[in-house]
Amino acid sequence: MEKEIDIPGGSLVFDIACGTARLERITGNMTILDIPERLENDEAGSDGVIVKSIIKKAVLGKKTIRKITVPDSVEYIGDWAFSGCSNLTHIKIPACSMGEGVLSGCRSLRVVDHPDLSKDKTGLFAGCIRWEAPTHLTDLDNAGDDWLEKFDAWVISLLQSPDDEGFQNQILCGEEDYGSSDKGAYESRKRVMKASICMERLLNPEALGEKSSKMFSDYIYSHRAGARGGSESWYALRDEYPDKVHFDLLNSLGCIDDSNRDMMIRELGEDSGELKSLLVKSSGNDASDRFFSKFTL
């Protein structure tokens, strides 16, 4: 039996059989998907029908969704159930069996709330989805005690790999799918990703060794604004994390000083008001006076 439940922005369609329900699909353009634990059903008595599974591709490609909550009653999530939800930033998942690629293509994901993930792991695991990390880092069944050790090993190997690694495969696959045949642009994007990963690991330092911490800090510093190796740490801050937390990290690592501050302010133009304000204030009143004097008639 099929049952449809209306929610703000759309509806949820369930299949009910043998006293349990499974989510089959959703309709509409909702931004928040809060899957209920039980469905009202007179035939099942006052407690209703428990939601136990989400079928294959149930929420595939829903680009308006930003947050998903899966109830503790769910025991199985099918293949690619939430794949391609490109604007999804936060998902809460219970300890349950999961199929393949459940979160693949969720390139805006920031938090994966799961019983097996510590606070620091919730952000790093989400990052692995965004960065398309190896499958052993994106499988919740493998997110045990040694996950952070495996994560750091992957990051170190990534930092040591050539920036053009994978470029030829991109060209062979066709630039229309991947955006550009410009090798320099490809290498810069790779360095931005590397800097972003280093930043996120330093901000989520659970079980981070001193040697790895220094390597990640050094990479960020060597790619500060105006550095000979490229300004990709600055680009990561400017384009991906324009907030105080990431600004303070770069500032604490010595990546922002009088030699590059004005250049960064100019590059922001009229955008990123908070980041621009942080940059202006970062060297005291002298920097503020110097910046705002250009608007004096």
C-alpha atoms as a PDB file:
ATOM      1  CA  MET A   1       0.000   0.000   0.000  1.00  0.00           C
ATOM      2  CA  GLU A   2       1.291   3.447  -0.876  1.00  0.00           C
ATOM      3  CA  LYS A   3       0.934   6.389   1.492  1.00  0.00           C
ATOM      4  CA  GLU A   4       1.790  10.021   0.743  1.00  0.00           C
ATOM      5  CA  ILE A   5       2.470  12.561   3.490  1.00  0.00           C
ATOM      6  CA  ASP A   6       2.454  16.297   2.809  1.00  0.00           C
ATOM      7  CA  ILE A   7       5.264  18.378   4.329  1.00  0.00           C
ATOM      8  CA  PRO A   8       6.383  21.985   3.719  1.00  0.00           C
ATOM      9  CA  GLY A   9       7.651  22.200   0.140  1.00  0.00           C
ATOM     10  CA  GLY A  10       6.483  18.793  -1.056  1.00  0.00           C
ATOM     11  CA  SER A  11       5.554  15.301   0.068  1.00  0.00           C
ATOM     12  CA  LEU A  12       7.017  11.963   1.123  1.00  0.00           C
ATOM     13  CA  VAL A  13       5.787   8.770  -0.534  1.00  0.00           C
ATOM     14  CA  PHE A  14       6.045   5.524   1.448  1.00  0.00           C
ATOM     15  CA  ASP A  15       5.353   1.889   0.650  1.00  0.00           C
ATOM     16  CA  ILE A  16       3.661   0.079   3.544  1.00  0.00           C
ATOM     17  CA  ALA A  17       3.856  -3.678   3.804  1.00  0.00           C
ATOM     18  CA  CYS A  18       3.928  -6.230   6.644  1.00  0.00           C
ATOM     19  CA  GLY A  19       3.477  -3.548   9.274  1.00  0.00           C
ATOM     20  CA  THR A  20       6.512  -1.456   8.265  1.00  0.00           C
ATOM     21  CA  ALA A  21       7.132   1.442   5.895  1.00  0.00           C
ATOM     22  CA  ARG A  22       9.908   2.377   3.512  1.00  0.00           C
ATOM     23  CA  LEU A  23      10.520   5.752   1.871  1.00  0.00           C
ATOM     24  CA  GLU A  24      10.118   5.347  -1.885  1.00  0.00           C
ATOM     25  CA  ARG A  25      10.480   8.899  -3.188  1.00  0.00           C
ATOM     26  CA  ILE A  26       9.870  12.554  -2.454  1.00  0.00           C
ATOM     27  CA  THR A  27       8.123  15.267  -4.456  1.00  0.00           C
ATOM     28  CA  GLY A  28       8.414  19.044  -4.554  1.00  0.00           C
ATOM     29  CA  ASN A  29      11.261  21.432  -3.785  1.00  0.00           C
ATOM     30  CA  MET A  30      11.762  21.144  -0.039  1.00  0.00           C
ATOM     31  CA  THR A  31      14.922  22.449   1.629  1.00  0.00           C
ATOM     32  CA  ILE A  32      14.619  20.370   4.834  1.00  0.00           C
ATOM     33  CA  LEU A  33      13.855  16.650   4.747  1.00  0.00           C
ATOM     34  CA  ASP A  34      12.864  15.348   8.169  1.00  0.00           C
ATOM     35  CA  ILE A  35      11.862  11.699   7.706  1.00  0.00           C
ATOM     36  CA  PRO A  36       9.337  10.591  10.354  1.00  0.00           C
ATOM     37  CA  GLU A  37       9.969   7.577  12.556  1.00  0.00           C
ATOM     38  CA  ARG A  38       6.357   6.382  12.366  1.00  0.00           C
ATOM     39  CA  LEU A  39       3.374   6.859  10.092  1.00  0.00           C
ATOM     40  CA  GLU A  40      -0.179   6.987  11.347  1.00  0.00           C
ATOM     41  CA  ASN A  41      -2.136   3.944  10.237  1.00  0.00           C
ATOM     42  CA  ASP A  42      -5.436   2.855  11.738  1.00  0.00           C
ATOM     43  CA  GLU A  43      -4.927  -0.759  10.743  1.00  0.00           C
ATOM     44  CA  ALA A  44      -1.643  -0.950  12.676  1.00  0.00           C
ATOM     45  CA  GLY A  45      -3.068   0.380  15.928  1.00  0.00           C
ATOM     46  CA  SER A  46      -2.282   3.530  17.899  1.00  0.00           C
ATOM     47  CA  ASP A  47       1.493   3.266  17.502  1.00  0.00           C
ATOM     48  CA  GLY A  48       1.288   3.458  13.710  1.00  0.00           C
ATOM     49  CA  VAL A  49       3.723   2.007  11.178  1.00  0.00           C
ATOM     50  CA  ILE A  50       7.454   2.219  11.806  1.00  0.00           C
ATOM     51  CA  VAL A  51       9.734   3.533   9.023  1.00  0.00           C
ATOM     52  CA  LYS A  52      12.500   0.979   8.594  1.00  0.00           C
ATOM     53  CA  SER A  53      14.179   1.676   5.260  1.00  0.00           C
ATOM     54  CA  ILE A  54      14.900   4.129   2.449  1.00  0.00           C
ATOM     55  CA  ILE A  55      14.934   2.541  -0.977  1.00  0.00           C
ATOM     56  CA  LYS A  56      17.486   2.875  -3.747  1.00  0.00           C
ATOM     57  CA  LYS A  57      17.633   6.396  -5.289  1.00  0.00           C
ATOM     58  CA  ALA A  58      14.741   7.612  -3.107  1.00  0.00           C
ATOM     59  CA  VAL A  59      16.116  11.187  -2.884  1.00  0.00           C
ATOM     60  CA  LEU A  60      18.514  11.056  -5.825  1.00  0.00           C
ATOM     61  CA  GLY A  61      19.492  14.420  -7.312  1.00  0.00           C
ATOM     62  CA  LYS A  62      17.235  16.651  -5.200  1.00  0.00           C
ATOM     63  CA  LYS A  63      19.202  19.884  -5.472  1.00  0.00           C
ATOM     64  CA  THR A  64      17.012  22.046  -3.202  1.00  0.00           C
ATOM     65  CA  ILE A  65      17.568  19.952  -0.068  1.00  0.00           C
ATOM     66  CA  ARG A  66      20.022  21.412   2.453  1.00  0.00           C
ATOM     67  CA  LYS A  67      19.405  19.282   5.534  1.00  0.00           C
ATOM     68  CA  ILE A  68      18.294  15.657   6.028  1.00  0.00           C
ATOM     69  CA  THR A  69      17.390  13.837   9.244  1.00  0.00           C
ATOM     70  CA  VAL A  70      17.034  10.061   9.110  1.00  0.00           C
ATOM     71  CA  PRO A  71      15.258   8.590  12.180  1.00  0.00           C
ATOM     72  CA  ASP A  72      16.811   5.956  14.438  1.00  0.00           C
ATOM     73  CA  SER A  73      14.148   3.476  13.303  1.00  0.00           C
ATOM     74  CA  VAL A  74      15.738   3.154   9.846  1.00  0.00           C
ATOM     75  CA  GLU A  75      17.723  -0.070   9.481  1.00  0.00           C
ATOM     76  CA  TYR A  76      18.749   0.179   5.830  1.00  0.00           C
ATOM     77  CA  ILE A  77      19.493   2.961   3.318  1.00  0.00           C
ATOM     78  CA  GLY A  78      19.609   1.838  -0.296  1.00  0.00           C
ATOM     79  CA  ASP A  79      22.168   2.527  -3.024  1.00  0.00           C
ATOM     80  CA  TRP A  80      22.536   6.188  -4.029  1.00  0.00           C
ATOM     81  CA  ALA A  81      19.612   7.145  -1.785  1.00  0.00           C
ATOM     82  CA  PHE A  82      20.851  10.749  -1.337  1.00  0.00           C
ATOM     83  CA  SER A  83      23.360  10.865  -4.182  1.00  0.00           C
ATOM     84  CA  GLY A  84      23.559  14.074  -6.186  1.00  0.00           C
ATOM     85  CA  CYS A  85      21.946  16.281  -3.540  1.00  0.00           C
ATOM     86  CA  SER A  86      24.460  18.950  -4.456  1.00  0.00           C
ATOM     87  CA  ASN A  87      23.298  21.577  -1.948  1.00  0.00           C
ATOM     88  CA  LEU A  88      23.001  19.232   1.029  1.00  0.00           C
ATOM     89  CA  THR A  89      25.143  20.594   3.879  1.00  0.00           C
ATOM     90  CA  HIS A  90      24.030  18.595   6.940  1.00  0.00           C
ATOM     91  CA  ILE A  91      22.784  15.026   7.350  1.00  0.00           C
ATOM     92  CA  LYS A  92      21.977  12.981  10.454  1.00  0.00           C
ATOM     93  CA  ILE A  93      22.140   9.197   9.946  1.00  0.00           C
ATOM     94  CA  PRO A  94      21.630   6.417  12.512  1.00  0.00           C
ATOM     95  CA  ALA A  95      23.809   3.332  12.811  1.00  0.00           C
ATOM     96  CA  CYS A  96      22.343   1.195  10.029  1.00  0.00           C
ATOM     97  CA  SER A  97      23.269  -0.802   6.939  1.00  0.00           C
ATOM     98  CA  MET A  98      23.977   1.310   3.869  1.00  0.00           C
ATOM     99  CA  GLY A  99      24.259   0.557   0.175  1.00  0.00           C
ATOM    100  CA  GLU A 100      26.723   1.969  -2.335  1.00  0.00           C
ATOM    101  CA  GLY A 101      27.227   5.669  -3.022  1.00  0.00           C
ATOM    102  CA  VAL A 102      24.558   6.849  -0.574  1.00  0.00           C
ATOM    103  CA  LEU A 103      26.148  10.326  -0.342  1.00  0.00           C
ATOM    104  CA  SER A 104      28.134  10.448  -3.580  1.00  0.00           C
ATOM    105  CA  GLY A 105      27.977  13.778  -5.373  1.00  0.00           C
ATOM    106  CA  CYS A 106      26.936  15.714  -2.252  1.00  0.00           C
ATOM    107  CA  ARG A 107      29.605  18.320  -2.945  1.00  0.00           C
ATOM    108  CA  SER A 108      28.362  20.890  -0.399  1.00  0.00           C
ATOM    109  CA  LEU A 109      28.304  18.511   2.568  1.00  0.00           C
ATOM    110  CA  ARG A 110      29.759  19.971   5.789  1.00  0.00           C
ATOM    111  CA  VAL A 111      28.486  17.712   8.587  1.00  0.00           C
ATOM    112  CA  VAL A 112      27.707  13.989   8.758  1.00  0.00           C
ATOM    113  CA  ASP A 113      26.131  13.327  12.158  1.00  0.00           C
ATOM    114  CA  HIS A 114      26.509   9.594  12.863  1.00  0.00           C
ATOM    115  CA  PRO A 115      26.877   7.603  16.127  1.00  0.00           C
ATOM    116  CA  ASP A 116      30.291   6.262  15.060  1.00  0.00           C
ATOM    117  CA  LEU A 117      31.724   9.710  14.294  1.00  0.00           C
ATOM    118  CA  SER A 118      33.264  11.971  16.930  1.00  0.00           C
ATOM    119  CA  LYS A 119      32.786  15.735  16.694  1.00  0.00           C
ATOM    120  CA  ASP A 120      35.969  16.229  14.666  1.00  0.00           C
ATOM    121  CA  LYS A 121      35.179  13.284  12.409  1.00  0.00           C
ATOM    122  CA  THR A 122      31.742  14.649  11.459  1.00  0.00           C
ATOM    123  CA  GLY A 123      33.323  17.503   9.512  1.00  0.00           C
ATOM    124  CA  LEU A 124      36.276  15.535   8.152  1.00  0.00           C
ATOM    125  CA  PHE A 125      34.051  12.702   6.932  1.00  0.00           C
ATOM    126  CA  ALA A 126      31.809  15.224   5.173  1.00  0.00           C
ATOM    127  CA  GLY A 127      34.941  16.705   3.638  1.00  0.00           C
ATOM    128  CA  CYS A 128      35.923  13.305   2.277  1.00  0.00           C
ATOM    129  CA  ILE A 129      32.596  13.245   0.416  1.00  0.00           C
ATOM    130  CA  ARG A 130      33.255  16.728  -1.013  1.00  0.00           C
ATOM    131  CA  TRP A 131      36.849  15.958  -1.940  1.00  0.00           C
ATOM    132  CA  GLU A 132      35.948  12.583  -3.471  1.00  0.00           C
ATOM    133  CA  ALA A 133      38.414  10.807  -1.203  1.00  0.00           C
ATOM    134  CA  PRO A 134      39.120   7.073  -1.610  1.00  0.00           C
ATOM    135  CA  THR A 135      36.191   4.802  -0.796  1.00  0.00           C
ATOM    136  CA  HIS A 136      37.760   3.463   2.408  1.00  0.00           C
ATOM    137  CA  LEU A 137      37.400   6.991   3.816  1.00  0.00           C
ATOM    138  CA  THR A 138      33.786   7.518   2.697  1.00  0.00           C
ATOM    139  CA  ASP A 139      32.372   4.253   4.027  1.00  0.00           C
ATOM    140  CA  LEU A 140      30.770   4.689   7.450  1.00  0.00           C
ATOM    141  CA  ASP A 141      31.312   1.009   8.169  1.00  0.00           C
ATOM    142  CA  ASN A 142      35.057   1.760   8.184  1.00  0.00           C
ATOM    143  CA  ALA A 143      34.881   4.878  10.361  1.00  0.00           C
ATOM    144  CA  GLY A 144      36.383   3.124  13.392  1.00  0.00           C
ATOM    145  CA  ASP A 145      39.268   3.936  15.722  1.00  0.00           C
ATOM    146  CA  ASP A 146      41.912   3.980  12.968  1.00  0.00           C
ATOM    147  CA  TRP A 147      39.933   6.169  10.542  1.00  0.00           C
ATOM    148  CA  LEU A 148      41.845   9.349  11.439  1.00  0.00           C
ATOM    149  CA  GLU A 149      45.146   7.541  10.963  1.00  0.00           C
ATOM    150  CA  LYS A 150      44.019   6.444   7.505  1.00  0.00           C
ATOM    151  CA  PHE A 151      42.786   9.961   6.762  1.00  0.00           C
ATOM    152  CA  ASP A 152      46.150  11.518   7.643  1.00  0.00           C
ATOM    153  CA  ALA A 153      48.006   8.935   5.570  1.00  0.00           C
ATOM    154  CA  TRP A 154      45.833   9.833   2.576  1.00  0.00           C
ATOM    155  CA  VAL A 155      46.406  13.575   3.064  1.00  0.00           C
ATOM    156  CA  ILE A 156      50.177  13.110   3.265  1.00  0.00           C
ATOM    157  CA  SER A 157      50.198  11.036   0.070  1.00  0.00           C
ATOM    158  CA  LEU A 158      48.025  13.683  -1.593  1.00  0.00           C
ATOM    159  CA  LEU A 159      50.403  16.501  -0.622  1.00  0.00           C
ATOM    160  CA  GLN A 160      53.337  14.512  -1.992  1.00  0.00           C
ATOM    161  CA  SER A 161      51.603  13.763  -5.305  1.00  0.00           C
ATOM    162  CA  PRO A 162      52.163  15.977  -8.394  1.00  0.00           C
ATOM    163  CA  ASP A 163      49.591  18.737  -8.832  1.00  0.00           C
ATOM    164  CA  ASP A 164      48.921  17.592 -12.393  1.00  0.00           C
ATOM    165  CA  GLU A 165      48.073  14.018 -11.342  1.00  0.00           C
ATOM    166  CA  GLY A 166      44.815  13.051 -13.050  1.00  0.00           C
ATOM    167  CA  PHE A 167      44.971  15.860 -15.608  1.00  0.00           C
ATOM    168  CA  GLN A 168      45.488  13.578 -18.608  1.00  0.00           C
ATOM    169  CA  ASN A 169      42.570  11.409 -17.544  1.00  0.00           C
ATOM    170  CA  GLN A 170      40.405  14.534 -17.381  1.00  0.00           C
ATOM    171  CA  ILE A 171      41.373  15.500 -20.911  1.00  0.00           C
ATOM    172  CA  LEU A 172      40.700  11.993 -22.196  1.00  0.00           C
ATOM    173  CA  CYS A 173      37.259  12.048 -20.564  1.00  0.00           C
ATOM    174  CA  GLY A 174      36.421  15.340 -22.264  1.00  0.00           C
ATOM    175  CA  GLU A 175      36.781  18.870 -20.931  1.00  0.00           C
ATOM    176  CA  GLU A 176      33.051  19.489 -21.381  1.00  0.00           C
ATOM    177  CA  ASP A 177      32.511  17.240 -18.367  1.00  0.00           C
ATOM    178  CA  TYR A 178      35.292  18.617 -16.187  1.00  0.00           C
ATOM    179  CA  GLY A 179      35.432  22.290 -17.035  1.00  0.00           C
ATOM    180  CA  SER A 180      38.785  23.114 -18.582  1.00  0.00           C
ATOM    181  CA  SER A 181      41.764  21.880 -20.566  1.00  0.00           C
ATOM    182  CA  ASP A 182      43.975  24.527 -18.908  1.00  0.00           C
ATOM    183  CA  LYS A 183      46.680  22.598 -17.065  1.00  0.00           C
ATOM    184  CA  GLY A 184      47.662  25.560 -14.913  1.00  0.00           C
ATOM    185  CA  ALA A 185      44.076  26.051 -13.758  1.00  0.00           C
ATOM    186  CA  TYR A 186      43.796  22.331 -13.007  1.00  0.00           C
ATOM    187  CA  GLU A 187      46.958  22.390 -10.891  1.00  0.00           C
ATOM    188  CA  SER A 188      45.783  25.480  -9.001  1.00  0.00           C
ATOM    189  CA  ARG A 189      42.440  23.838  -8.199  1.00  0.00           C
ATOM    190  CA  LYS A 190      44.321  20.792  -6.921  1.00  0.00           C
ATOM    191  CA  ARG A 191      46.425  23.010  -4.636  1.00  0.00           C
ATOM    192  CA  VAL A 192      43.289  24.765  -3.361  1.00  0.00           C
ATOM    193  CA  MET A 193      41.861  21.358  -2.468  1.00  0.00           C
ATOM    194  CA  LYS A 194      45.093  20.346  -0.721  1.00  0.00           C
ATOM    195  CA  ALA A 195      45.148  23.600   1.259  1.00  0.00           C
ATOM    196  CA  SER A 196      41.474  23.195   2.164  1.00  0.00           C
ATOM    197  CA  ILE A 197      42.047  19.678   3.479  1.00  0.00           C
ATOM    198  CA  CYS A 198      45.021  20.824   5.551  1.00  0.00           C
ATOM    199  CA  MET A 199      42.975  23.660   7.006  1.00  0.00           C
ATOM    200  CA  GLU A 200      40.092  21.385   7.950  1.00  0.00           C
ATOM    201  CA  ARG A 201      42.415  18.846   9.572  1.00  0.00           C
ATOM    202  CA  LEU A 202      44.121  21.503  11.694  1.00  0.00           C
ATOM    203  CA  LEU A 203      40.711  22.796  12.784  1.00  0.00           C
ATOM    204  CA  ASN A 204      39.649  19.244  13.697  1.00  0.00           C
ATOM    205  CA  PRO A 205      42.843  18.050  15.421  1.00  0.00           C
ATOM    206  CA  GLU A 206      41.670  14.875  17.166  1.00  0.00           C
ATOM    207  CA  ALA A 207      44.584  12.387  17.280  1.00  0.00           C
ATOM    208  CA  LEU A 208      46.671  14.607  14.977  1.00  0.00           C
ATOM    209  CA  GLY A 209      50.380  13.876  15.357  1.00  0.00           C
ATOM    210  CA  GLU A 210      52.964  16.635  15.674  1.00  0.00           C
ATOM    211  CA  LYS A 211      54.759  15.632  12.462  1.00  0.00           C
ATOM    212  CA  SER A 212      51.552  15.639  10.415  1.00  0.00           C
ATOM    213  CA  SER A 213      50.431  18.907  11.983  1.00  0.00           C
ATOM    214  CA  LYS A 214      53.694  20.581  10.962  1.00  0.00           C
ATOM    215  CA  MET A 215      53.457  19.218   7.424  1.00  0.00           C
ATOM    216  CA  PHE A 216      49.912  20.529   7.016  1.00  0.00           C
ATOM    217  CA  SER A 217      50.802  23.903   8.548  1.00  0.00           C
ATOM    218  CA  ASP A 218      53.848  24.225   6.296  1.00  0.00           C
ATOM    219  CA  TYR A 219      51.765  23.517   3.197  1.00  0.00           C
ATOM    220  CA  ILE A 220      49.271  26.214   4.122  1.00  0.00           C
ATOM    221  CA  TYR A 221      52.062  28.720   4.796  1.00  0.00           C
ATOM    222  CA  SER A 222      53.906  27.918   1.569  1.00  0.00           C
ATOM    223  CA  HIS A 223      50.728  28.733  -0.380  1.00  0.00           C
ATOM    224  CA  ARG A 224      49.777  31.953   1.415  1.00  0.00           C
ATOM    225  CA  ALA A 225      48.818  35.012  -0.618  1.00  0.00           C
ATOM    226  CA  GLY A 226      51.747  36.117  -2.770  1.00  0.00           C
ATOM    227  CA  ALA A 227      53.892  33.053  -2.030  1.00  0.00           C
ATOM    228  CA  ARG A 228      56.230  31.738  -4.704  1.00  0.00           C
ATOM    229  CA  GLY A 229      54.484  28.356  -4.634  1.00  0.00           C
ATOM    230  CA  GLY A 230      51.086  29.919  -5.325  1.00  0.00           C
ATOM    231  CA  SER A 231      48.366  31.677  -3.325  1.00  0.00           C
ATOM    232  CA  GLU A 232      46.019  28.728  -2.999  1.00  0.00           C
ATOM    233  CA  SER A 233      45.628  28.870   0.803  1.00  0.00           C
ATOM    234  CA  TRP A 234      44.337  32.397   0.327  1.00  0.00           C
ATOM    235  CA  TYR A 235      42.008  31.241  -2.466  1.00  0.00           C
ATOM    236  CA  ALA A 236      40.649  28.509  -0.192  1.00  0.00           C
ATOM    237  CA  LEU A 237      39.896  31.118   2.483  1.00  0.00           C
ATOM    238  CA  ARG A 238      38.462  33.617   0.015  1.00  0.00           C
ATOM    239  CA  ASP A 239      36.297  31.274  -2.047  1.00  0.00           C
ATOM    240  CA  GLU A 240      35.432  28.353   0.247  1.00  0.00           C
ATOM    241  CA  TYR A 241      35.739  29.418   3.879  1.00  0.00           C
ATOM    242  CA  PRO A 242      35.360  33.219   4.152  1.00  0.00           C
ATOM    243  CA  ASP A 243      34.743  33.135   7.913  1.00  0.00           C
ATOM    244  CA  LYS A 244      36.511  34.106  11.128  1.00  0.00           C
ATOM    245  CA  VAL A 245      37.481  30.560  12.122  1.00  0.00           C
ATOM    246  CA  HIS A 246      39.478  29.927   8.954  1.00  0.00           C
ATOM    247  CA  PHE A 247      40.804  33.494   8.901  1.00  0.00           C
ATOM    248  CA  ASP A 248      42.121  33.098  12.444  1.00  0.00           C
ATOM    249  CA  LEU A 249      43.815  29.839  11.472  1.00  0.00           C
ATOM    250  CA  LEU A 250      45.701  31.422   8.563  1.00  0.00           C
ATOM    251  CA  ASN A 251      46.536  34.445  10.672  1.00  0.00           C
ATOM    252  CA  SER A 252      47.920  32.245  13.472  1.00  0.00           C
ATOM    253  CA  LEU A 253      50.159  30.479  10.930  1.00  0.00           C
ATOM    254  CA  GLY A 254      51.666  33.776   9.787  1.00  0.00           C
ATOM    255  CA  CYS A 255      49.917  33.733   6.395  1.00  0.00           C
ATOM    256  CA  ILE A 256      48.606  37.288   6.734  1.00  0.00           C
ATOM    257  CA  ASP A 257      50.941  40.247   7.206  1.00  0.00           C
ATOM    258  CA  ASP A 258      51.807  43.678   5.821  1.00  0.00           C
ATOM    259  CA  SER A 259      53.349  42.150   2.696  1.00  0.00           C
ATOM    260  CA  ASN A 260      50.088  40.674   1.394  1.00  0.00           C
ATOM    261  CA  ARG A 261      47.188  42.140   3.379  1.00  0.00           C
ATOM    262  CA  ASP A 262      46.433  45.048   1.032  1.00  0.00           C
ATOM    263  CA  MET A 263      46.559  42.735  -1.988  1.00  0.00           C
ATOM    264  CA  MET A 264      43.996  40.429  -0.388  1.00  0.00           C
ATOM    265  CA  ILE A 265      41.712  43.341   0.459  1.00  0.00           C
ATOM    266  CA  ARG A 266      41.872  44.601  -3.136  1.00  0.00           C
ATOM    267  CA  GLU A 267      41.089  41.154  -4.536  1.00  0.00           C
ATOM    268  CA  LEU A 268      37.896  40.954  -2.469  1.00  0.00           C
ATOM    269  CA  GLY A 269      36.408  43.946  -4.254  1.00  0.00           C
ATOM    270  CA  GLU A 270      32.888  44.697  -3.044  1.00  0.00           C
ATOM    271  CA  ASP A 271      32.233  41.178  -1.770  1.00  0.00           C
ATOM    272  CA  SER A 272      33.008  39.272   1.445  1.00  0.00           C
ATOM    273  CA  GLY A 273      32.331  42.097   3.877  1.00  0.00           C
ATOM    274  CA  GLU A 274      33.194  40.029   6.981  1.00  0.00           C
ATOM    275  CA  LEU A 275      36.468  38.784   5.554  1.00  0.00           C
ATOM    276  CA  LYS A 276      37.447  42.243   4.383  1.00  0.00           C
ATOM    277  CA  SER A 277      36.722  43.644   7.829  1.00  0.00           C
ATOM    278  CA  LEU A 278      38.879  40.944   9.452  1.00  0.00           C
ATOM    279  CA  LEU A 279      41.746  41.734   7.111  1.00  0.00           C
ATOM    280  CA  VAL A 280      41.505  45.470   7.738  1.00  0.00           C
ATOM    281  CA  LYS A 281      41.486  44.977  11.503  1.00  0.00           C
ATOM    282  CA  SER A 282      44.228  42.360  11.568  1.00  0.00           C
ATOM    283  CA  SER A 283      47.104  44.857  11.882  1.00  0.00           C
ATOM    284  CA  GLY A 284      45.402  47.466  14.065  1.00  0.00           C
ATOM    285  CA  ASN A 285      44.290  51.022  13.462  1.00  0.00           C
ATOM    286  CA  ASP A 286      47.087  51.852  11.030  1.00  0.00           C
ATOM    287  CA  ALA A 287      45.761  49.315   8.538  1.00  0.00           C
ATOM    288  CA  SER A 288      42.208  50.565   8.993  1.00  0.00           C
ATOM    289  CA  ASP A 289      43.249  54.178   8.428  1.00  0.00           C
ATOM    290  CA  ARG A 290      45.285  53.226   5.362  1.00  0.00           C
ATOM    291  CA  PHE A 291      42.431  51.265   3.824  1.00  0.00           C
ATOM    292  CA  PHE A 292      39.609  53.726   4.457  1.00  0.00           C
ATOM    293  CA  SER A 293      41.670  56.790   3.494  1.00  0.00           C
ATOM    294  CA  LYS A 294      41.252  55.922  -0.159  1.00  0.00           C
ATOM    295  CA  PHE A 295      37.531  56.772   0.139  1.00  0.00           C
ATOM    296  CA  THR A 296      38.190  60.247   1.603  1.00  0.00           C
ATOM    297  CA  LEU A 297      37.399  63.147  -0.707  1.00  0.00           C
END
